[in-house]
């Protein structure tokens, strides 16, 4: 099921974003230098305010997300 992000899930989704970024953004040294607490701050202060966040949930487990800024897909 795809649905809007709940406020109680922000930290969990931020960690999904951070951990997947460590795997995928090896060409971005500034991202690689973030620790979990810094990544959470970036997620809360940059991604969250500028986007509508949607999550993918299966069996009550949030497994992924997407961030939409109007019609622009900011994060997946």
Protein backbone atom coordinates (compact mmCIF):
# COMPACT_ATOMS: atom_id res chain seq x y z
CA UNK A 1 0.00 0.00 0.00
CA UNK A 2 1.18 3.53 -0.75
CA UNK A 3 0.08 6.25 1.66
CA UNK A 4 1.14 9.59 3.15
CA UNK A 5 3.96 9.62 5.69
CA UNK A 6 2.89 9.67 9.33
CA UNK A 7 4.73 11.95 11.73
CA UNK A 8 5.67 8.94 13.86
CA UNK A 9 7.60 7.46 10.91
CA UNK A 10 9.90 10.37 10.13
CA UNK A 11 12.99 8.96 11.82
CA UNK A 12 12.47 5.50 10.31
CA UNK A 13 12.07 6.91 6.80
CA UNK A 14 15.05 9.21 7.31
CA UNK A 15 17.16 6.15 8.10
CA UNK A 16 15.90 4.41 4.95
CA UNK A 17 16.99 7.49 2.99
CA UNK A 18 20.36 7.66 4.73
CA UNK A 19 21.25 3.96 4.46
CA UNK A 20 20.21 3.68 0.83
CA UNK A 21 22.19 6.84 0.09
CA UNK A 22 25.33 5.32 1.59
CA UNK A 23 24.97 2.45 -0.89
CA UNK A 24 24.01 4.50 -3.93
CA UNK A 25 25.73 7.87 -3.58
CA UNK A 26 29.35 6.74 -3.36
CA UNK A 27 30.22 9.61 -5.72
CA UNK A 28 28.98 12.22 -3.19
CA UNK A 29 31.64 12.58 -0.49
CA UNK A 30 29.59 15.08 1.53
CA UNK A 31 26.74 12.58 1.76
CA UNK A 32 29.15 9.78 2.66
CA UNK A 33 30.54 11.92 5.48
CA UNK A 34 27.15 12.26 7.21
CA UNK A 35 26.46 10.22 10.31
CA UNK A 36 22.94 9.12 11.27
CA UNK A 37 22.21 12.14 13.46
CA UNK A 38 23.38 14.60 10.78
CA UNK A 39 21.35 12.74 8.15
CA UNK A 40 18.25 12.98 10.32
CA UNK A 41 18.74 16.75 10.60
CA UNK A 42 19.10 17.07 6.80
CA UNK A 43 16.01 14.95 6.25
CA UNK A 44 13.93 16.94 8.76
CA UNK A 45 15.22 20.39 7.72
CA UNK A 46 15.59 20.02 3.95
CA UNK A 47 13.64 17.11 2.51
CA UNK A 48 10.59 17.07 4.78
CA UNK A 49 9.60 20.76 4.53
CA UNK A 50 9.94 20.95 0.75
CA UNK A 51 8.15 17.75 -0.23
CA UNK A 52 5.05 15.66 0.21
CA UNK A 53 6.26 12.29 1.46
CA UNK A 54 4.60 9.01 0.61
CA UNK A 55 5.58 5.60 1.94
CA UNK A 56 5.24 2.07 0.67
CA UNK A 57 4.01 -0.30 3.37
CA UNK A 58 3.61 -4.06 3.34
CA UNK A 59 2.50 -6.16 6.32
CA UNK A 60 2.61 -3.02 8.51
CA UNK A 61 6.29 -2.45 7.64
CA UNK A 62 7.37 0.77 5.92
CA UNK A 63 9.81 -0.35 3.23
CA UNK A 64 10.36 2.70 1.06
CA UNK A 65 9.29 6.24 0.31
CA UNK A 66 9.09 8.93 -2.30
CA UNK A 67 9.31 12.67 -1.94
CA UNK A 68 7.30 14.85 -4.33
CA UNK A 69 7.82 18.56 -4.81
CA UNK A 70 4.83 19.49 -6.98
CA UNK A 71 5.39 17.24 -10.01
CA UNK A 72 9.12 16.76 -9.34
CA UNK A 73 10.23 13.46 -7.82
CA UNK A 74 12.89 14.55 -5.33
CA UNK A 75 13.75 11.26 -3.64
CA UNK A 76 12.78 7.65 -4.10
